[in-house]
């Protein structure tokens, strides 16, 4: 709550300011996401012959050391079982990943998958910087990281 005579609002106090409409904020978030996503994918994934889902899975498997349980991979991506299963089948046909059943399904990068992510990573890093992080200050990156971690 603002103190009497103060023009500085309490940042924790709800506002009736129409400029801060939740639907407008959500729309701006969605628009920014779509624009950055499309630009990064166009620069990095398409040039390497990978789809966005391919790239997403390869990045997550690589970050995890090359192998994850299928259920953990799906949860980390926010994907349902059907979507991840179909995508992994397509990637398996292209020899990017393998799946082994042993008390659950484990997804592992193949040599081809490792080579694909190794090849695309420098371009991906550059595209993310160019279209996203270079447009933000260090404080904005810190704040956004905190916000996204809560969502």
C-alpha atoms as a PDB file:
ATOM      1  CA  UNK A   1       0.000   0.000   0.000  1.00  0.00           C
ATOM      2  CA  UNK A   2       1.287   3.489  -0.782  1.00  0.00           C
ATOM      3  CA  UNK A   3       2.107   5.665   2.170  1.00  0.00           C
ATOM      4  CA  UNK A   4       0.108   8.897   2.507  1.00  0.00           C
ATOM      5  CA  UNK A   5       1.687  11.620   0.431  1.00  0.00           C
ATOM      6  CA  UNK A   6       3.873   9.127  -1.460  1.00  0.00           C
ATOM      7  CA  UNK A   7       3.659   8.691  -5.221  1.00  0.00           C
ATOM      8  CA  UNK A   8       5.476   5.360  -5.071  1.00  0.00           C
ATOM      9  CA  UNK A   9       3.059   2.411  -5.173  1.00  0.00           C
ATOM     10  CA  UNK A  10       3.737  -0.793  -3.269  1.00  0.00           C
ATOM     11  CA  UNK A  11       4.896  -3.315  -5.910  1.00  0.00           C
ATOM     12  CA  UNK A  12       3.011  -6.095  -4.075  1.00  0.00           C
ATOM     13  CA  UNK A  13      -0.299  -4.227  -4.129  1.00  0.00           C
ATOM     14  CA  UNK A  14      -2.789  -5.225  -6.861  1.00  0.00           C
ATOM     15  CA  UNK A  15      -3.453  -2.501  -9.365  1.00  0.00           C
ATOM     16  CA  UNK A  16      -6.493  -1.421 -11.316  1.00  0.00           C
ATOM     17  CA  UNK A  17      -4.295   0.174 -13.973  1.00  0.00           C
ATOM     18  CA  UNK A  18      -5.762  -0.899 -17.336  1.00  0.00           C
ATOM     19  CA  UNK A  19      -2.243  -0.761 -18.830  1.00  0.00           C
ATOM     20  CA  UNK A  20      -1.390  -3.786 -16.654  1.00  0.00           C
ATOM     21  CA  UNK A  21      -4.312  -5.976 -17.742  1.00  0.00           C
ATOM     22  CA  UNK A  22      -3.419  -9.657 -17.174  1.00  0.00           C
ATOM     23  CA  UNK A  23      -4.725 -10.719 -20.584  1.00  0.00           C
ATOM     24  CA  UNK A  24      -2.635  -8.031 -22.276  1.00  0.00           C
ATOM     25  CA  UNK A  25       0.433  -9.215 -20.368  1.00  0.00           C
ATOM     26  CA  UNK A  26      -0.254 -12.826 -21.345  1.00  0.00           C
ATOM     27  CA  UNK A  27      -0.709 -11.770 -24.983  1.00  0.00           C
ATOM     28  CA  UNK A  28       2.566  -9.831 -24.943  1.00  0.00           C
ATOM     29  CA  UNK A  29       4.330 -12.849 -23.376  1.00  0.00           C
ATOM     30  CA  UNK A  30       2.903 -15.191 -26.039  1.00  0.00           C
ATOM     31  CA  UNK A  31       3.862 -12.805 -28.861  1.00  0.00           C
ATOM     32  CA  UNK A  32       7.424 -12.389 -27.575  1.00  0.00           C
ATOM     33  CA  UNK A  33       7.752 -16.150 -27.138  1.00  0.00           C
ATOM     34  CA  UNK A  34       6.554 -16.882 -30.673  1.00  0.00           C
ATOM     35  CA  UNK A  35       8.787 -14.259 -32.269  1.00  0.00           C
ATOM     36  CA  UNK A  36      11.938 -15.305 -30.394  1.00  0.00           C
ATOM     37  CA  UNK A  37      11.179 -19.011 -30.875  1.00  0.00           C
ATOM     38  CA  UNK A  38      10.636 -18.643 -34.617  1.00  0.00           C
ATOM     39  CA  UNK A  39      13.795 -16.592 -35.089  1.00  0.00           C
ATOM     40  CA  UNK A  40      15.996 -18.921 -33.039  1.00  0.00           C
ATOM     41  CA  UNK A  41      14.643 -22.014 -34.801  1.00  0.00           C
ATOM     42  CA  UNK A  42      15.052 -20.402 -38.220  1.00  0.00           C
ATOM     43  CA  UNK A  43      18.673 -19.509 -37.442  1.00  0.00           C
ATOM     44  CA  UNK A  44      19.742 -22.699 -35.692  1.00  0.00           C
ATOM     45  CA  UNK A  45      17.563 -25.769 -36.094  1.00  0.00           C
ATOM     46  CA  UNK A  46      16.409 -25.416 -39.686  1.00  0.00           C
ATOM     47  CA  UNK A  47      19.960 -24.780 -40.856  1.00  0.00           C
ATOM     48  CA  UNK A  48      20.980 -28.095 -39.260  1.00  0.00           C
ATOM     49  CA  UNK A  49      18.012 -30.016 -40.698  1.00  0.00           C
ATOM     50  CA  UNK A  50      16.355 -30.393 -37.295  1.00  0.00           C
ATOM     51  CA  UNK A  51      12.807 -29.599 -36.279  1.00  0.00           C
ATOM     52  CA  UNK A  52      12.109 -27.577 -33.160  1.00  0.00           C
ATOM     53  CA  UNK A  53      10.995 -30.709 -31.249  1.00  0.00           C
ATOM     54  CA  UNK A  54      14.181 -32.515 -32.385  1.00  0.00           C
ATOM     55  CA  UNK A  55      16.302 -29.665 -31.105  1.00  0.00           C
ATOM     56  CA  UNK A  56      14.390 -29.421 -27.834  1.00  0.00           C
ATOM     57  CA  UNK A  57      14.878 -33.118 -27.090  1.00  0.00           C
ATOM     58  CA  UNK A  58      18.515 -33.170 -28.169  1.00  0.00           C
ATOM     59  CA  UNK A  59      19.336 -30.152 -25.991  1.00  0.00           C
ATOM     60  CA  UNK A  60      17.632 -31.688 -22.950  1.00  0.00           C
ATOM     61  CA  UNK A  61      19.262 -35.091 -23.392  1.00  0.00           C
ATOM     62  CA  UNK A  62      22.673 -33.505 -23.907  1.00  0.00           C
ATOM     63  CA  UNK A  63      22.248 -31.349 -20.801  1.00  0.00           C
ATOM     64  CA  UNK A  64      21.340 -34.491 -18.826  1.00  0.00           C
ATOM     65  CA  UNK A  65      24.525 -36.265 -19.915  1.00  0.00           C
ATOM     66  CA  UNK A  66      23.017 -38.062 -22.901  1.00  0.00           C
ATOM     67  CA  UNK A  67      20.335 -40.192 -21.288  1.00  0.00           C
ATOM     68  CA  UNK A  68      17.035 -39.743 -19.434  1.00  0.00           C
ATOM     69  CA  UNK A  69      14.013 -41.799 -18.579  1.00  0.00           C
ATOM     70  CA  UNK A  70      11.291 -41.035 -21.098  1.00  0.00           C
ATOM     71  CA  UNK A  71       8.899 -39.932 -18.332  1.00  0.00           C
ATOM     72  CA  UNK A  72      11.508 -37.498 -16.937  1.00  0.00           C
ATOM     73  CA  UNK A  73      12.174 -36.098 -20.410  1.00  0.00           C
ATOM     74  CA  UNK A  74       8.461 -35.577 -21.020  1.00  0.00           C
ATOM     75  CA  UNK A  75       8.017 -33.880 -17.642  1.00  0.00           C
ATOM     76  CA  UNK A  76      10.999 -31.577 -18.208  1.00  0.00           C
ATOM     77  CA  UNK A  77       9.494 -30.461 -21.518  1.00  0.00           C
ATOM     78  CA  UNK A  78       5.907 -30.234 -20.308  1.00  0.00           C
ATOM     79  CA  UNK A  79       4.854 -32.738 -22.998  1.00  0.00           C
ATOM     80  CA  UNK A  80       2.312 -35.515 -22.684  1.00  0.00           C
ATOM     81  CA  UNK A  81       3.205 -39.189 -23.154  1.00  0.00           C
ATOM     82  CA  UNK A  82       1.739 -39.442 -26.644  1.00  0.00           C
ATOM     83  CA  UNK A  83       3.593 -36.418 -27.989  1.00  0.00           C
ATOM     84  CA  UNK A  84       6.975 -37.502 -26.642  1.00  0.00           C
ATOM     85  CA  UNK A  85       6.471 -41.064 -27.838  1.00  0.00           C
ATOM     86  CA  UNK A  86       5.636 -40.037 -31.397  1.00  0.00           C
ATOM     87  CA  UNK A  87       8.528 -37.562 -31.542  1.00  0.00           C
ATOM     88  CA  UNK A  88      11.012 -40.114 -30.210  1.00  0.00           C
ATOM     89  CA  UNK A  89       9.787 -42.657 -32.776  1.00  0.00           C
ATOM     90  CA  UNK A  90      10.515 -40.157 -35.567  1.00  0.00           C
ATOM     91  CA  UNK A  91      13.921 -39.346 -34.092  1.00  0.00           C
ATOM     92  CA  UNK A  92      14.707 -43.038 -33.653  1.00  0.00           C
ATOM     93  CA  UNK A  93      14.044 -43.643 -37.348  1.00  0.00           C
ATOM     94  CA  UNK A  94      16.669 -40.989 -38.109  1.00  0.00           C
ATOM     95  CA  UNK A  95      19.039 -42.593 -35.576  1.00  0.00           C
ATOM     96  CA  UNK A  96      19.227 -39.512 -33.342  1.00  0.00           C
ATOM     97  CA  UNK A  97      18.105 -41.401 -30.223  1.00  0.00           C
ATOM     98  CA  UNK A  98      17.503 -44.926 -28.991  1.00  0.00           C
ATOM     99  CA  UNK A  99      14.947 -46.175 -26.480  1.00  0.00           C
ATOM    100  CA  UNK A 100      15.490 -49.130 -24.206  1.00  0.00           C
ATOM    101  CA  UNK A 101      12.855 -50.742 -22.030  1.00  0.00           C
ATOM    102  CA  UNK A 102      14.112 -51.851 -18.637  1.00  0.00           C
ATOM    103  CA  UNK A 103      11.877 -50.936 -15.719  1.00  0.00           C
ATOM    104  CA  UNK A 104      10.687 -47.973 -17.774  1.00  0.00           C
ATOM    105  CA  UNK A 105      11.923 -46.487 -21.000  1.00  0.00           C
ATOM    106  CA  UNK A 106      15.338 -44.831 -21.167  1.00  0.00           C
ATOM    107  CA  UNK A 107      16.079 -42.439 -24.033  1.00  0.00           C
ATOM    108  CA  UNK A 108      19.714 -42.111 -25.075  1.00  0.00           C
ATOM    109  CA  UNK A 109      21.506 -39.942 -27.593  1.00  0.00           C
ATOM    110  CA  UNK A 110      23.170 -41.925 -30.370  1.00  0.00           C
ATOM    111  CA  UNK A 111      26.465 -40.910 -31.936  1.00  0.00           C
ATOM    112  CA  UNK A 112      24.401 -39.274 -34.704  1.00  0.00           C
ATOM    113  CA  UNK A 113      22.345 -37.387 -32.114  1.00  0.00           C
ATOM    114  CA  UNK A 114      25.476 -36.258 -30.263  1.00  0.00           C
ATOM    115  CA  UNK A 115      26.998 -35.060 -33.513  1.00  0.00           C
ATOM    116  CA  UNK A 116      23.801 -33.176 -34.402  1.00  0.00           C
ATOM    117  CA  UNK A 117      23.671 -31.301 -31.088  1.00  0.00           C
ATOM    118  CA  UNK A 118      27.426 -30.641 -31.158  1.00  0.00           C
ATOM    119  CA  UNK A 119      27.094 -29.213 -34.656  1.00  0.00           C
ATOM    120  CA  UNK A 120      24.035 -27.059 -33.940  1.00  0.00           C
ATOM    121  CA  UNK A 121      25.014 -25.791 -30.464  1.00  0.00           C
ATOM    122  CA  UNK A 122      27.267 -22.878 -31.525  1.00  0.00           C
ATOM    123  CA  UNK A 123      24.585 -21.584 -33.904  1.00  0.00           C
ATOM    124  CA  UNK A 124      21.885 -22.115 -31.293  1.00  0.00           C
ATOM    125  CA  UNK A 125      23.876 -20.226 -28.685  1.00  0.00           C
ATOM    126  CA  UNK A 126      24.485 -17.356 -31.123  1.00  0.00           C
ATOM    127  CA  UNK A 127      20.806 -17.253 -32.171  1.00  0.00           C
ATOM    128  CA  UNK A 128      19.580 -17.217 -28.557  1.00  0.00           C
ATOM    129  CA  UNK A 129      21.981 -14.394 -27.777  1.00  0.00           C
ATOM    130  CA  UNK A 130      21.099 -12.413 -30.922  1.00  0.00           C
ATOM    131  CA  UNK A 131      17.321 -12.730 -30.636  1.00  0.00           C
ATOM    132  CA  UNK A 132      16.893 -12.882 -26.869  1.00  0.00           C
ATOM    133  CA  UNK A 133      19.545 -12.345 -24.213  1.00  0.00           C
ATOM    134  CA  UNK A 134      21.503  -9.586 -25.957  1.00  0.00           C
ATOM    135  CA  UNK A 135      18.305  -7.509 -25.910  1.00  0.00           C
ATOM    136  CA  UNK A 136      18.151  -7.682 -22.100  1.00  0.00           C
ATOM    137  CA  UNK A 137      20.228  -6.165 -19.335  1.00  0.00           C
ATOM    138  CA  UNK A 138      21.896  -8.381 -16.731  1.00  0.00           C
ATOM    139  CA  UNK A 139      19.220  -7.287 -14.213  1.00  0.00           C
ATOM    140  CA  UNK A 140      16.424  -8.134 -16.648  1.00  0.00           C
ATOM    141  CA  UNK A 141      17.912 -11.581 -17.269  1.00  0.00           C
ATOM    142  CA  UNK A 142      18.140 -12.187 -13.522  1.00  0.00           C
ATOM    143  CA  UNK A 143      14.547 -11.038 -12.994  1.00  0.00           C
ATOM    144  CA  UNK A 144      13.219 -13.056 -15.930  1.00  0.00           C
ATOM    145  CA  UNK A 145      15.090 -16.157 -14.747  1.00  0.00           C
ATOM    146  CA  UNK A 146      13.470 -15.775 -11.321  1.00  0.00           C
ATOM    147  CA  UNK A 147      10.008 -15.253 -12.786  1.00  0.00           C
ATOM    148  CA  UNK A 148      10.236 -18.177 -15.186  1.00  0.00           C
ATOM    149  CA  UNK A 149      11.471 -20.415 -12.387  1.00  0.00           C
ATOM    150  CA  UNK A 150       8.257 -19.738 -10.474  1.00  0.00           C
ATOM    151  CA  UNK A 151       5.946 -20.528 -13.387  1.00  0.00           C
END
